[in-house]
């Protein structure tokens, strides 16, 4: 659940919500576990994501992603839906488009 849905916004951008969900799936694929247990500010990991500290926190947990993978993941999980990429931007991101980028 994205932050804007969590706070029960009356209106929201469905594409941005879908990008958040895709970011959650990417997070699981790259780390092997979900980014948070419940979409609540009482969940420490959800709060970390909403504060934009995702990559730094992963490194503190000794989970090291490539710079490109971390950048894309943080971008897709931006708390402000207007700061998230579009699907086209995700597809053109270096980690997705560049075949020479090493897997995380």
C-alpha atoms as a PDB file:
ATOM      1  CA  UNK A   1       0.000   0.000   0.000  1.00  0.00           C
ATOM      2  CA  UNK A   2       1.458   3.347  -1.018  1.00  0.00           C
ATOM      3  CA  UNK A   3       1.679   6.267   1.423  1.00  0.00           C
ATOM      4  CA  UNK A   4      -1.071   8.226  -0.314  1.00  0.00           C
ATOM      5  CA  UNK A   5      -3.448   5.291   0.040  1.00  0.00           C
ATOM      6  CA  UNK A   6      -2.346   4.805   3.663  1.00  0.00           C
ATOM      7  CA  UNK A   7      -3.303   8.387   4.526  1.00  0.00           C
ATOM      8  CA  UNK A   8      -6.613   7.803   2.726  1.00  0.00           C
ATOM      9  CA  UNK A   9      -6.313  10.554   0.137  1.00  0.00           C
ATOM     10  CA  UNK A  10      -9.598  11.287  -1.558  1.00  0.00           C
ATOM     11  CA  UNK A  11      -7.928  11.352  -4.942  1.00  0.00           C
ATOM     12  CA  UNK A  12      -4.762   9.670  -6.103  1.00  0.00           C
ATOM     13  CA  UNK A  13      -2.847   8.886  -9.268  1.00  0.00           C
ATOM     14  CA  UNK A  14      -3.459   5.221 -10.054  1.00  0.00           C
ATOM     15  CA  UNK A  15      -0.310   5.013 -12.190  1.00  0.00           C
ATOM     16  CA  UNK A  16       1.828   6.305  -9.311  1.00  0.00           C
ATOM     17  CA  UNK A  17       0.213   3.794  -6.952  1.00  0.00           C
ATOM     18  CA  UNK A  18       1.002   1.016  -9.447  1.00  0.00           C
ATOM     19  CA  UNK A  19       4.625   2.194  -9.646  1.00  0.00           C
ATOM     20  CA  UNK A  20       4.830   1.999  -5.845  1.00  0.00           C
ATOM     21  CA  UNK A  21       3.497  -1.578  -6.010  1.00  0.00           C
ATOM     22  CA  UNK A  22       6.038  -2.445  -8.705  1.00  0.00           C
ATOM     23  CA  UNK A  23       8.731  -0.964  -6.450  1.00  0.00           C
ATOM     24  CA  UNK A  24       7.596  -3.227  -3.614  1.00  0.00           C
ATOM     25  CA  UNK A  25       7.823  -6.242  -5.932  1.00  0.00           C
ATOM     26  CA  UNK A  26      11.283  -5.158  -7.110  1.00  0.00           C
ATOM     27  CA  UNK A  27      12.357  -4.754  -3.481  1.00  0.00           C
ATOM     28  CA  UNK A  28      11.268  -8.325  -2.729  1.00  0.00           C
ATOM     29  CA  UNK A  29      13.055  -9.630  -5.822  1.00  0.00           C
ATOM     30  CA  UNK A  30      16.306  -7.860  -4.886  1.00  0.00           C
ATOM     31  CA  UNK A  31      16.357  -8.503  -1.141  1.00  0.00           C
ATOM     32  CA  UNK A  32      14.307 -11.646  -0.610  1.00  0.00           C
ATOM     33  CA  UNK A  33      11.900 -10.086   1.882  1.00  0.00           C
ATOM     34  CA  UNK A  34       9.131  -7.471   1.817  1.00  0.00           C
ATOM     35  CA  UNK A  35      10.008  -3.834   2.502  1.00  0.00           C
ATOM     36  CA  UNK A  36       7.591  -3.602   5.451  1.00  0.00           C
ATOM     37  CA  UNK A  37       5.091  -5.688   7.383  1.00  0.00           C
ATOM     38  CA  UNK A  38       2.174  -3.265   7.446  1.00  0.00           C
ATOM     39  CA  UNK A  39       1.736   0.081   5.689  1.00  0.00           C
ATOM     40  CA  UNK A  40       1.720   2.083   8.893  1.00  0.00           C
ATOM     41  CA  UNK A  41       4.058   4.699  10.295  1.00  0.00           C
ATOM     42  CA  UNK A  42       4.228   2.441  13.344  1.00  0.00           C
ATOM     43  CA  UNK A  43       6.117  -0.052  11.141  1.00  0.00           C
ATOM     44  CA  UNK A  44       9.745   1.092  11.328  1.00  0.00           C
ATOM     45  CA  UNK A  45      10.606  -0.112   7.818  1.00  0.00           C
ATOM     46  CA  UNK A  46       7.565   1.633   6.263  1.00  0.00           C
ATOM     47  CA  UNK A  47       8.582   4.836   8.043  1.00  0.00           C
ATOM     48  CA  UNK A  48      12.159   4.502   6.730  1.00  0.00           C
ATOM     49  CA  UNK A  49      10.856   4.221   3.163  1.00  0.00           C
ATOM     50  CA  UNK A  50       8.487   7.168   3.627  1.00  0.00           C
ATOM     51  CA  UNK A  51      11.404   9.238   4.922  1.00  0.00           C
ATOM     52  CA  UNK A  52      13.419   8.469   1.775  1.00  0.00           C
ATOM     53  CA  UNK A  53      16.152   6.567   3.637  1.00  0.00           C
ATOM     54  CA  UNK A  54      15.742   3.228   1.882  1.00  0.00           C
ATOM     55  CA  UNK A  55      19.184   2.719   0.314  1.00  0.00           C
ATOM     56  CA  UNK A  56      21.030   3.899   3.413  1.00  0.00           C
ATOM     57  CA  UNK A  57      18.988   1.538   5.571  1.00  0.00           C
ATOM     58  CA  UNK A  58      19.632  -1.423   3.269  1.00  0.00           C
ATOM     59  CA  UNK A  59      23.356  -0.764   3.526  1.00  0.00           C
ATOM     60  CA  UNK A  60      23.072  -0.612   7.320  1.00  0.00           C
ATOM     61  CA  UNK A  61      21.479  -4.077   7.142  1.00  0.00           C
ATOM     62  CA  UNK A  62      24.461  -5.209   5.021  1.00  0.00           C
ATOM     63  CA  UNK A  63      22.338  -5.476   1.873  1.00  0.00           C
ATOM     64  CA  UNK A  64      24.337  -3.946  -0.938  1.00  0.00           C
ATOM     65  CA  UNK A  65      22.716  -3.261  -4.291  1.00  0.00           C
ATOM     66  CA  UNK A  66      24.375  -1.787  -7.327  1.00  0.00           C
ATOM     67  CA  UNK A  67      24.107   1.980  -7.473  1.00  0.00           C
ATOM     68  CA  UNK A  68      21.709   1.700 -10.418  1.00  0.00           C
ATOM     69  CA  UNK A  69      19.445  -0.831  -8.671  1.00  0.00           C
ATOM     70  CA  UNK A  70      19.374   1.196  -5.450  1.00  0.00           C
ATOM     71  CA  UNK A  71      18.640   4.377  -7.360  1.00  0.00           C
ATOM     72  CA  UNK A  72      15.714   2.821  -9.222  1.00  0.00           C
ATOM     73  CA  UNK A  73      14.304   1.206  -6.100  1.00  0.00           C
ATOM     74  CA  UNK A  74      14.464   4.443  -4.110  1.00  0.00           C
ATOM     75  CA  UNK A  75      12.880   6.352  -7.002  1.00  0.00           C
ATOM     76  CA  UNK A  76       9.987   3.901  -7.358  1.00  0.00           C
ATOM     77  CA  UNK A  77       9.361   4.037  -3.597  1.00  0.00           C
ATOM     78  CA  UNK A  78       9.356   7.807  -3.279  1.00  0.00           C
ATOM     79  CA  UNK A  79       6.736   8.800  -0.688  1.00  0.00           C
ATOM     80  CA  UNK A  80       5.461  11.675  -2.840  1.00  0.00           C
ATOM     81  CA  UNK A  81       3.655  10.129  -5.826  1.00  0.00           C
ATOM     82  CA  UNK A  82       4.642  13.077  -8.037  1.00  0.00           C
ATOM     83  CA  UNK A  83       8.317  12.253  -7.446  1.00  0.00           C
ATOM     84  CA  UNK A  84       7.982   8.653  -8.682  1.00  0.00           C
ATOM     85  CA  UNK A  85       8.996   7.731 -12.215  1.00  0.00           C
ATOM     86  CA  UNK A  86       6.608   6.942 -14.997  1.00  0.00           C
ATOM     87  CA  UNK A  87       6.659   3.451 -16.473  1.00  0.00           C
ATOM     88  CA  UNK A  88       8.555   4.828 -19.479  1.00  0.00           C
ATOM     89  CA  UNK A  89      11.186   6.300 -17.152  1.00  0.00           C
ATOM     90  CA  UNK A  90      11.540   2.942 -15.408  1.00  0.00           C
ATOM     91  CA  UNK A  91      11.997   1.188 -18.747  1.00  0.00           C
ATOM     92  CA  UNK A  92      14.711   3.675 -19.752  1.00  0.00           C
ATOM     93  CA  UNK A  93      16.471   3.593 -16.388  1.00  0.00           C
ATOM     94  CA  UNK A  94      20.082   2.371 -16.615  1.00  0.00           C
ATOM     95  CA  UNK A  95      19.427  -0.672 -14.437  1.00  0.00           C
ATOM     96  CA  UNK A  96      16.616  -1.857 -16.731  1.00  0.00           C
ATOM     97  CA  UNK A  97      17.841  -0.715 -20.143  1.00  0.00           C
ATOM     98  CA  UNK A  98      21.609  -1.228 -19.915  1.00  0.00           C
ATOM     99  CA  UNK A  99      22.573  -4.822 -20.573  1.00  0.00           C
ATOM    100  CA  UNK A 100      26.084  -4.152 -19.248  1.00  0.00           C
ATOM    101  CA  UNK A 101      24.920  -3.337 -15.732  1.00  0.00           C
ATOM    102  CA  UNK A 102      25.750  -6.182 -13.367  1.00  0.00           C
ATOM    103  CA  UNK A 103      22.956  -7.796 -11.348  1.00  0.00           C
ATOM    104  CA  UNK A 104      22.758  -6.695  -7.713  1.00  0.00           C
END
